[in-house]
Amino acid sequence: MQHFKLFSLPLKLYLTYKINYDLKGYESEVNMNKEIMLEVKNVYGNDLIYPSCHVANALIKLKDKKTFNKNDLEVFKALGLIIKWKASSI
């Protein structure tokens, strides 16, 4: 019985090249330097931490909540994320 490979080597190389080439334009959008932007808003006297970029928005969806807490910030730091703060408006 003969086993067939799903992809031949040239096709694998092409797909790898194509994926890498297609993703090059998104490096700044995907934020490859592991930075997330957060914003502090005062709501009824409480300072709440809201996501302010697409990466932070994706992370908040994992929590099923609208805000982060201080424990989340420690986890982000442990993961190597750099936290940038959006300037609040008056």
Protein backbone atom coordinates (compact mmCIF):
# COMPACT_ATOMS: atom_id res chain seq x y z
CA MET A 1 0.00 0.00 0.00
CA GLN A 2 1.37 3.37 -0.99
CA HIS A 3 0.88 6.55 1.05
CA PHE A 4 0.36 9.77 -0.82
CA LYS A 5 1.36 13.14 0.55
CA LEU A 6 -1.31 15.80 0.48
CA PHE A 7 1.03 18.51 -0.83
CA SER A 8 4.13 18.22 -2.88
CA LEU A 9 7.23 20.15 -1.77
CA PRO A 10 6.97 22.88 -4.46
CA LEU A 11 3.34 23.51 -3.50
CA LYS A 12 4.29 23.79 0.19
CA LEU A 13 6.99 26.31 -0.69
CA TYR A 14 4.56 28.29 -2.82
CA LEU A 15 1.91 28.35 -0.09
CA THR A 16 4.47 29.40 2.53
CA TYR A 17 5.76 32.17 0.26
CA LYS A 18 2.22 33.29 -0.64
CA ILE A 19 1.10 33.46 3.01
CA ASN A 20 4.22 35.36 4.07
CA TYR A 21 3.92 37.74 1.12
CA ASP A 22 0.23 38.40 1.79
CA LEU A 23 0.84 39.10 5.49
CA LYS A 24 3.65 41.63 4.94
CA GLY A 25 1.19 44.43 4.31
CA TYR A 26 -0.56 43.75 7.60
CA GLU A 27 2.47 43.98 9.90
CA SER A 28 1.60 47.44 11.18
CA GLU A 29 -2.09 46.59 11.36
CA VAL A 30 -1.49 43.37 13.28
CA ASN A 31 0.86 45.23 15.59
CA MET A 32 3.82 42.86 15.46
CA ASN A 33 5.63 44.63 18.31
CA LYS A 34 3.11 43.25 20.83
CA GLU A 35 1.66 46.55 21.95
CA ILE A 36 -1.91 46.99 23.08
CA MET A 37 -3.68 50.31 23.55
CA LEU A 38 -5.92 50.75 26.59
CA GLU A 39 -7.97 53.67 27.82
CA VAL A 40 -9.07 54.60 31.35
CA LYS A 41 -12.55 56.11 31.68
CA ASN A 42 -14.16 57.34 34.87
CA VAL A 43 -17.66 55.89 35.13
CA TYR A 44 -19.71 56.85 38.20
CA GLY A 45 -16.51 57.56 40.14
CA ASN A 46 -14.82 54.28 39.15
CA ASP A 47 -11.78 54.18 36.86
CA LEU A 48 -12.45 51.45 34.29
CA ILE A 49 -9.97 50.11 31.73
CA TYR A 50 -11.37 49.81 28.20
CA PRO A 51 -9.74 48.35 25.08
CA SER A 52 -8.67 50.91 22.50
CA CYS A 53 -7.16 48.85 19.64
CA HIS A 54 -8.13 45.77 17.66
CA VAL A 55 -5.77 43.49 19.62
CA ALA A 56 -7.22 44.64 22.95
CA ASN A 57 -10.73 44.24 21.51
CA ALA A 58 -9.91 40.64 20.61
CA LEU A 59 -8.59 40.00 24.13
CA ILE A 60 -11.67 41.50 25.79
CA LYS A 61 -13.89 39.14 23.77
CA LEU A 62 -12.20 36.23 25.57
CA LYS A 63 -13.50 37.59 28.88
CA ASP A 64 -17.11 38.25 27.85
CA LYS A 65 -16.89 41.59 29.65
CA LYS A 66 -16.40 45.19 28.54
CA THR A 67 -13.49 46.18 30.78
CA PHE A 68 -10.14 44.84 31.98
CA ASN A 69 -9.03 44.74 35.60
CA LYS A 70 -5.60 45.04 37.25
CA ASN A 71 -5.11 41.27 37.22
CA ASP A 72 -5.55 41.28 33.43
CA LEU A 73 -2.80 43.89 33.14
CA GLU A 74 -0.43 41.61 35.06
CA VAL A 75 -1.24 38.74 32.69
CA PHE A 76 -0.58 40.98 29.68
CA LYS A 77 2.81 41.94 31.11
CA ALA A 78 3.63 38.28 31.80
CA LEU A 79 2.80 37.49 28.16
CA GLY A 80 5.25 40.16 27.03
CA LEU A 81 2.66 42.67 25.83
CA ILE A 82 3.55 46.34 26.05
CA ILE A 83 0.68 48.39 27.41
CA LYS A 84 0.20 51.83 25.90
CA TRP A 85 -2.34 54.21 27.40
CA LYS A 86 -4.60 56.39 25.27
CA ALA A 87 -4.76 59.96 26.51
CA SER A 88 -8.15 60.71 27.98
CA SER A 89 -10.09 63.73 26.85
CA ILE A 90 -11.62 66.22 29.25
